[in-house]
Amino acid sequence: MIPKSVTLNKNKKSIQFEYPNHTYLLLTSSYLRACSPSAENKNKQNELEVSKKIKAFNSVLINKVEAVGNYAIRIIFDDGHNTGIFSWEYIYTIGSRFQDS
């Protein structure tokens, strides 16, 4: 699902996604960093690993969010990580999982 707006929080610790059906997702920088779909993370996405990574990335902030065409965003983190391209579908999937936890 494509959000109608994407807003980086002023403290750079979260991004809010607003959807046309008045649904909102608020995802923290540590969760997004832990769930980065980059090649280095591809084989490490089980829940235990993500939980450990969230703690490890607790102090990571988001420097910038860039559009990638009409299908995704790239998040530039302050630890130098910038290779994960987050598709709208992936954001909604991990966001729904995060909101449920």
C-alpha atoms as a PDB file:
ATOM      1  CA  MET A   1       0.000   0.000   0.000  1.00  0.00           C
ATOM      2  CA  ILE A   2       1.401   3.384  -0.994  1.00  0.00           C
ATOM      3  CA  PRO A   3       1.370   6.018   1.762  1.00  0.00           C
ATOM      4  CA  LYS A   4      -0.001   9.455   1.038  1.00  0.00           C
ATOM      5  CA  SER A   5       2.687  11.030   3.228  1.00  0.00           C
ATOM      6  CA  VAL A   6       6.021  10.086   4.804  1.00  0.00           C
ATOM      7  CA  THR A   7       7.270  12.293   7.629  1.00  0.00           C
ATOM      8  CA  LEU A   8      10.626  12.088   9.367  1.00  0.00           C
ATOM      9  CA  ASN A   9      10.156  13.008  13.021  1.00  0.00           C
ATOM     10  CA  LYS A  10      12.125  16.101  14.111  1.00  0.00           C
ATOM     11  CA  ASN A  11      14.179  14.046  16.581  1.00  0.00           C
ATOM     12  CA  LYS A  12      15.161  11.724  13.681  1.00  0.00           C
ATOM     13  CA  LYS A  13      14.203   8.640  15.728  1.00  0.00           C
ATOM     14  CA  SER A  14      11.095   7.669  13.742  1.00  0.00           C
ATOM     15  CA  ILE A  15       9.177   7.975  10.496  1.00  0.00           C
ATOM     16  CA  GLN A  16       5.411   8.310  10.279  1.00  0.00           C
ATOM     17  CA  PHE A  17       3.600   6.829   7.277  1.00  0.00           C
ATOM     18  CA  GLU A  18       0.065   8.023   6.588  1.00  0.00           C
ATOM     19  CA  TYR A  19      -2.146   5.928   4.322  1.00  0.00           C
ATOM     20  CA  PRO A  20      -5.267   6.899   2.332  1.00  0.00           C
ATOM     21  CA  ASN A  21      -7.500   4.762   4.595  1.00  0.00           C
ATOM     22  CA  HIS A  22      -6.522   6.965   7.604  1.00  0.00           C
ATOM     23  CA  THR A  23      -4.121   4.311   8.893  1.00  0.00           C
ATOM     24  CA  TYR A  24      -0.810   5.474  10.347  1.00  0.00           C
ATOM     25  CA  LEU A  25       2.398   3.576  10.996  1.00  0.00           C
ATOM     26  CA  LEU A  26       5.082   5.014  13.247  1.00  0.00           C
ATOM     27  CA  LEU A  27       8.346   3.120  12.847  1.00  0.00           C
ATOM     28  CA  THR A  28      11.430   3.775  14.929  1.00  0.00           C
ATOM     29  CA  SER A  29      14.866   4.304  13.469  1.00  0.00           C
ATOM     30  CA  SER A  30      16.222   1.285  15.372  1.00  0.00           C
ATOM     31  CA  TYR A  31      13.463  -0.983  14.014  1.00  0.00           C
ATOM     32  CA  LEU A  32      13.933   0.256  10.451  1.00  0.00           C
ATOM     33  CA  ARG A  33      17.711  -0.176  10.719  1.00  0.00           C
ATOM     34  CA  ALA A  34      17.279  -3.713  12.096  1.00  0.00           C
ATOM     35  CA  CYS A  35      14.865  -4.600   9.280  1.00  0.00           C
ATOM     36  CA  SER A  36      16.862  -3.018   6.470  1.00  0.00           C
ATOM     37  CA  PRO A  37      16.325  -5.052   3.297  1.00  0.00           C
ATOM     38  CA  SER A  38      19.954  -4.630   2.269  1.00  0.00           C
ATOM     39  CA  ALA A  39      21.949  -7.584   0.972  1.00  0.00           C
ATOM     40  CA  GLU A  40      23.874  -7.846   4.244  1.00  0.00           C
ATOM     41  CA  ASN A  41      20.628  -8.376   6.183  1.00  0.00           C
ATOM     42  CA  LYS A  42      18.743 -10.603   3.717  1.00  0.00           C
ATOM     43  CA  ASN A  43      19.480 -13.921   5.418  1.00  0.00           C
ATOM     44  CA  LYS A  44      19.137 -12.609   8.964  1.00  0.00           C
ATOM     45  CA  GLN A  45      15.500 -11.584   9.242  1.00  0.00           C
ATOM     46  CA  ASN A  46      14.099 -13.993  11.832  1.00  0.00           C
ATOM     47  CA  GLU A  47      12.379 -12.337  14.797  1.00  0.00           C
ATOM     48  CA  LEU A  48      15.076 -13.159  17.345  1.00  0.00           C
ATOM     49  CA  GLU A  49      17.729 -11.532  15.195  1.00  0.00           C
ATOM     50  CA  VAL A  50      15.552  -8.459  14.622  1.00  0.00           C
ATOM     51  CA  SER A  51      14.922  -8.150  18.354  1.00  0.00           C
ATOM     52  CA  LYS A  52      18.660  -8.280  19.076  1.00  0.00           C
ATOM     53  CA  LYS A  53      19.402  -5.807  16.287  1.00  0.00           C
ATOM     54  CA  ILE A  54      16.839  -3.303  17.562  1.00  0.00           C
ATOM     55  CA  LYS A  55      18.756  -3.113  20.830  1.00  0.00           C
ATOM     56  CA  ALA A  56      22.078  -2.872  18.988  1.00  0.00           C
ATOM     57  CA  PHE A  57      20.772  -0.015  16.815  1.00  0.00           C
ATOM     58  CA  ASN A  58      19.020   1.826  19.646  1.00  0.00           C
ATOM     59  CA  SER A  59      21.082   4.986  19.215  1.00  0.00           C
ATOM     60  CA  VAL A  60      20.949   5.063  15.396  1.00  0.00           C
ATOM     61  CA  LEU A  61      19.182   8.075  13.912  1.00  0.00           C
ATOM     62  CA  ILE A  62      17.832   8.777  10.435  1.00  0.00           C
ATOM     63  CA  ASN A  63      19.684  11.503   8.551  1.00  0.00           C
ATOM     64  CA  LYS A  64      17.564  11.525   5.409  1.00  0.00           C
ATOM     65  CA  VAL A  65      14.752   9.783   3.522  1.00  0.00           C
ATOM     66  CA  GLU A  66      14.924   9.702  -0.287  1.00  0.00           C
ATOM     67  CA  ALA A  67      12.293   8.633  -2.794  1.00  0.00           C
ATOM     68  CA  VAL A  68      13.236   5.752  -5.093  1.00  0.00           C
ATOM     69  CA  GLY A  69      10.893   6.127  -8.037  1.00  0.00           C
ATOM     70  CA  ASN A  70       7.260   5.641  -7.063  1.00  0.00           C
ATOM     71  CA  TYR A  71       7.788   2.298  -5.381  1.00  0.00           C
ATOM     72  CA  ALA A  72      10.182   2.764  -2.446  1.00  0.00           C
ATOM     73  CA  ILE A  73      12.341   4.908  -0.190  1.00  0.00           C
ATOM     74  CA  ARG A  74      15.990   4.795   0.779  1.00  0.00           C
ATOM     75  CA  ILE A  75      16.759   5.633   4.387  1.00  0.00           C
ATOM     76  CA  ILE A  76      20.131   7.166   5.191  1.00  0.00           C
ATOM     77  CA  PHE A  77      21.093   6.294   8.778  1.00  0.00           C
ATOM     78  CA  ASP A  78      23.667   8.171  10.833  1.00  0.00           C
ATOM     79  CA  ASP A  79      25.793   5.017  11.228  1.00  0.00           C
ATOM     80  CA  GLY A  80      26.557   5.220   7.494  1.00  0.00           C
ATOM     81  CA  HIS A  81      24.099   2.512   6.388  1.00  0.00           C
ATOM     82  CA  ASN A  82      22.237   3.541   3.228  1.00  0.00           C
ATOM     83  CA  THR A  83      21.997   0.476   0.991  1.00  0.00           C
ATOM     84  CA  GLY A  84      18.535  -0.810   1.913  1.00  0.00           C
ATOM     85  CA  ILE A  85      15.700   0.119  -0.424  1.00  0.00           C
ATOM     86  CA  PHE A  86      12.388  -0.128   1.447  1.00  0.00           C
ATOM     87  CA  SER A  87       9.522  -0.847  -0.969  1.00  0.00           C
ATOM     88  CA  TRP A  88       6.068   0.398   0.021  1.00  0.00           C
ATOM     89  CA  GLU A  89       4.906  -3.206   0.367  1.00  0.00           C
ATOM     90  CA  TYR A  90       7.857  -4.073   2.628  1.00  0.00           C
ATOM     91  CA  ILE A  91       7.281  -0.977   4.815  1.00  0.00           C
ATOM     92  CA  TYR A  92       3.616  -1.878   5.266  1.00  0.00           C
ATOM     93  CA  THR A  93       4.471  -5.509   6.094  1.00  0.00           C
ATOM     94  CA  ILE A  94       7.135  -4.740   8.689  1.00  0.00           C
ATOM     95  CA  GLY A  95       5.105  -1.819   9.993  1.00  0.00           C
ATOM     96  CA  SER A  96       2.062  -3.979  10.604  1.00  0.00           C
ATOM     97  CA  ARG A  97       4.261  -6.520  12.396  1.00  0.00           C
ATOM     98  CA  PHE A  98       5.813  -3.764  14.543  1.00  0.00           C
ATOM     99  CA  GLN A  99       2.439  -2.272  15.494  1.00  0.00           C
ATOM    100  CA  ASP A 100       1.195  -5.712  16.558  1.00  0.00           C
ATOM    101  CA  SER A 101       4.160  -6.363  18.871  1.00  0.00           C
END
